[in-house]
Amino acid sequence: MTLDKLPIGKTAVVTRVGGEGALRFRFLDMGIIPRTKIKVIKVAPLGDPIEIRLRDYELTLRTEDAMNIEVSEEEE
């Protein structure tokens, strides 16, 4: 599943970082790399952007960008 489909409050692990060129490098520079735990904190009322927590900081991503990040939901 992609990051934009992850429900609020759920934690997942990044499995693949997609995107082309500068976009992919931007994700990697922000710390979104495979095997990183990500938690969705909140989603804007109209669904864009979404706020995530990773590596002890919050990050806001556009939904369009979140579609390029594949995650697998963590088992409870």
Protein backbone atom coordinates (compact mmCIF):
# COMPACT_ATOMS: atom_id res chain seq x y z
CA MET A 1 0.00 0.00 0.00
CA THR A 2 1.12 3.58 -0.40
CA LEU A 3 1.56 6.12 2.39
CA ASP A 4 -1.50 8.15 1.36
CA LYS A 5 -3.72 5.11 2.15
CA LEU A 6 -2.38 4.59 5.69
CA PRO A 7 -5.08 5.44 8.30
CA ILE A 8 -4.53 8.10 10.97
CA GLY A 9 -2.74 6.75 14.03
CA LYS A 10 -1.33 3.67 12.28
CA THR A 11 2.38 2.89 12.04
CA ALA A 12 4.02 1.41 8.96
CA VAL A 13 7.47 0.63 7.64
CA VAL A 14 8.72 2.11 4.36
CA THR A 15 9.33 -0.64 1.82
CA ARG A 16 10.09 1.40 -1.31
CA VAL A 17 10.67 5.04 -2.16
CA GLY A 18 9.48 5.93 -5.63
CA GLY A 19 9.49 9.16 -7.57
CA GLU A 20 11.78 10.47 -10.27
CA GLY A 21 15.04 12.38 -9.95
CA ALA A 22 14.90 15.34 -7.59
CA LEU A 23 11.67 14.18 -5.92
CA ARG A 24 13.17 10.83 -4.91
CA PHE A 25 16.34 12.50 -3.62
CA ARG A 26 14.20 14.94 -1.61
CA PHE A 27 12.43 12.02 0.10
CA LEU A 28 15.76 10.37 0.91
CA ASP A 29 17.21 13.65 2.24
CA MET A 30 14.18 14.01 4.55
CA GLY A 31 14.92 10.59 6.04
CA ILE A 32 12.24 8.62 4.21
CA ILE A 33 14.29 5.54 3.39
CA PRO A 34 13.41 1.83 3.35
CA ARG A 35 12.90 0.20 6.79
CA THR A 36 12.00 3.55 8.41
CA LYS A 37 8.96 3.55 10.71
CA ILE A 38 6.33 6.16 9.83
CA LYS A 39 3.16 7.10 11.69
CA VAL A 40 0.33 9.21 10.24
CA ILE A 41 -0.46 11.94 12.77
CA LYS A 42 -3.21 13.87 10.99
CA VAL A 43 -4.76 14.63 7.63
CA ALA A 44 -6.05 18.02 6.51
CA PRO A 45 -9.86 18.34 6.26
CA LEU A 46 -9.84 18.05 2.46
CA GLY A 47 -7.34 15.18 2.53
CA ASP A 48 -4.25 17.13 1.47
CA PRO A 49 -1.62 17.45 2.99
CA ILE A 50 -0.91 14.70 5.52
CA GLU A 51 1.32 15.00 8.58
CA ILE A 52 3.59 12.08 9.43
CA ARG A 53 6.04 11.34 12.24
CA LEU A 54 9.37 9.68 11.56
CA ARG A 55 12.74 9.71 13.31
CA ASP A 56 11.37 11.91 16.16
CA TYR A 57 10.14 14.78 13.97
CA GLU A 58 6.96 15.69 12.13
CA LEU A 59 6.83 16.15 8.38
CA THR A 60 4.02 17.33 6.14
CA LEU A 61 3.68 15.82 2.67
CA ARG A 62 1.31 16.45 -0.19
CA THR A 63 -0.92 13.47 -0.90
CA GLU A 64 0.44 13.35 -4.45
CA ASP A 65 3.96 12.89 -3.05
CA ALA A 66 2.81 10.32 -0.48
CA MET A 67 1.55 8.15 -3.35
CA ASN A 68 5.20 7.53 -4.32
CA ILE A 69 6.09 5.96 -0.96
CA GLU A 70 5.20 2.30 -0.47
CA VAL A 71 4.72 1.04 3.09
CA SER A 72 3.67 -2.13 4.86
CA GLU A 73 1.49 -1.77 7.93
CA GLU A 74 3.14 -2.86 11.15
CA GLU A 75 1.52 -5.68 13.12
CA GLU A 76 0.27 -4.76 16.60
